[in-house]
Protein backbone atom coordinates (compact mmCIF):
# COMPACT_ATOMS: atom_id res chain seq x y z
CA MET A 1 9.56 -23.21 -20.29
CA THR A 2 6.39 -21.68 -18.91
CA GLY A 3 5.89 -18.89 -16.42
CA LEU A 4 7.35 -15.48 -15.92
CA GLN A 5 11.11 -15.18 -15.70
CA VAL A 6 12.87 -11.99 -14.75
CA ALA A 7 16.62 -11.53 -14.66
CA VAL A 8 17.63 -9.07 -11.96
CA GLY A 9 21.12 -8.21 -10.79
CA GLU A 10 22.19 -8.70 -7.21
CA SER A 11 22.57 -4.99 -6.52
CA THR A 12 19.13 -4.26 -7.98
CA LEU A 13 17.54 -6.94 -5.82
CA ALA A 14 19.31 -5.69 -2.70
CA ALA A 15 18.21 -2.10 -3.44
CA PHE A 16 14.63 -3.31 -3.97
CA LEU A 17 14.66 -5.17 -0.65
CA LEU A 18 15.87 -2.04 1.15
CA ALA A 19 13.20 0.09 -0.52
CA LEU A 20 10.57 -2.53 0.27
CA ALA A 21 11.60 -2.53 3.92
CA ARG A 22 11.12 1.25 4.14
CA THR A 23 7.75 1.26 2.38
CA ALA A 24 6.50 -1.67 4.46
CA GLY A 25 7.35 0.18 7.67
CA PHE A 26 5.59 3.28 6.34
CA VAL A 27 2.41 1.48 5.22
CA LEU A 28 2.26 -0.46 8.49
CA VAL A 29 1.38 2.63 10.57
CA THR A 30 0.05 5.19 8.08
CA PRO A 31 -3.70 5.80 8.01
CA PRO A 32 -5.87 4.46 6.37
CA PHE A 33 -3.63 1.45 5.71
CA ASN A 34 -3.17 0.66 9.41
CA THR A 35 -6.71 -0.69 9.74
CA ARG A 36 -8.27 -4.06 8.98
CA ALA A 37 -10.45 -2.38 6.35
CA VAL A 38 -7.57 -2.56 3.88
CA PRO A 39 -6.74 -6.18 2.96
CA GLY A 40 -3.20 -7.43 3.40
CA GLN A 41 -2.85 -8.11 -0.32
CA VAL A 42 -3.61 -4.48 -1.09
CA LYS A 43 -1.04 -3.36 1.48
CA ALA A 44 1.57 -5.70 0.00
CA GLY A 45 0.81 -4.48 -3.52
CA LEU A 46 1.08 -0.88 -2.39
CA CYS A 47 4.44 -1.57 -0.72
CA ILE A 48 5.78 -3.14 -3.90
CA ALA A 49 4.39 -0.34 -6.08
CA LEU A 50 6.01 2.29 -3.86
CA ALA A 51 9.31 0.39 -3.67
CA LEU A 52 9.84 0.20 -7.44
CA PRO A 53 10.49 3.91 -8.10
CA ILE A 54 12.49 4.18 -4.88
CA THR A 55 14.70 1.32 -6.10
CA SER A 56 15.48 3.05 -9.38
CA ALA A 57 16.20 6.34 -7.60
CA TYR A 58 18.46 4.51 -5.15
CA LEU A 59 20.44 2.91 -7.97
CA GLU A 60 20.67 6.14 -10.00
CA ARG A 61 22.43 8.04 -7.24
CA ASP A 62 25.20 5.41 -7.24
CA ALA A 63 24.70 4.40 -3.64
CA LYS A 64 26.74 1.52 -2.31
CA VAL A 65 24.40 -1.44 -2.17
CA PRO A 66 25.51 -4.32 0.09
CA SER A 67 25.62 -7.88 -1.21
CA LEU A 68 22.67 -10.15 -0.54
CA GLY A 69 24.49 -12.45 1.87
CA SER A 70 26.02 -9.76 4.07
CA THR A 71 25.06 -8.64 7.54
CA THR A 72 25.32 -5.08 6.29
CA LEU A 73 22.19 -5.65 4.22
CA LEU A 74 20.38 -6.93 7.30
CA LEU A 75 21.45 -3.91 9.36
CA GLN A 76 20.49 -1.50 6.59
CA ALA A 77 17.11 -3.25 6.25
CA VAL A 78 16.45 -2.77 9.97
CA ALA A 79 17.42 0.90 9.61
CA GLN A 80 15.08 1.25 6.61
CA ILE A 81 12.20 -0.32 8.55
CA ALA A 82 12.85 2.10 11.43
CA THR A 83 12.92 5.04 8.99
CA GLY A 84 9.65 3.93 7.41
CA LEU A 85 8.03 3.52 10.82
CA ALA A 86 9.24 6.97 11.88
CA LEU A 87 7.85 8.57 8.72
CA GLY A 88 4.58 6.67 9.17
CA PHE A 89 4.22 7.80 12.78
CA LEU A 90 4.89 11.38 11.66
CA VAL A 91 2.08 11.14 9.13
CA LEU A 92 -0.16 9.52 11.76
CA ALA A 93 0.54 12.37 14.19
CA VAL A 94 -0.23 15.03 11.56
CA VAL A 95 -3.47 13.30 10.53
CA SER A 96 -4.53 12.98 14.19
CA ALA A 97 -3.73 16.64 14.88
CA VAL A 98 -5.67 17.84 11.84
CA THR A 99 -8.62 15.60 12.76
CA LYS A 100 -8.73 17.00 16.29
CA LEU A 101 -8.37 20.55 15.02
CA VAL A 102 -11.25 20.13 12.62
CA ALA A 103 -13.37 18.55 15.35
CA ALA A 104 -12.59 21.42 17.73
CA CYS A 105 -13.40 24.07 15.12
CA ALA A 106 -16.64 22.40 14.14
CA GLY A 107 -18.04 22.74 17.66
CA PRO A 108 -20.58 20.47 19.28
CA VAL A 109 -22.88 18.49 17.05
CA LYS A 110 -26.58 19.30 17.54
């Protein structure tokens, strides 16, 4: 058989999907990834790269991971997206505040 084959347990896949939901929400609004200058493939790769260590940390703390076919997984995924968006907006607010502070301290441009 040709191609890449990876055997992953159901709980590992569910934990990865939850971590991916959080990182996708975060990358969606966090500068500089919230612009068209960063291609979608790069954003997707970044989300996956960030989700991998979060998945292992999630599984190591023995958290209860819902099954793949449950509505609990869907509800937790929505909560993870909301958490990622909230964290992303927090970073966006801090970056905007620092940018305005620097612009105010620099004074008018001659």
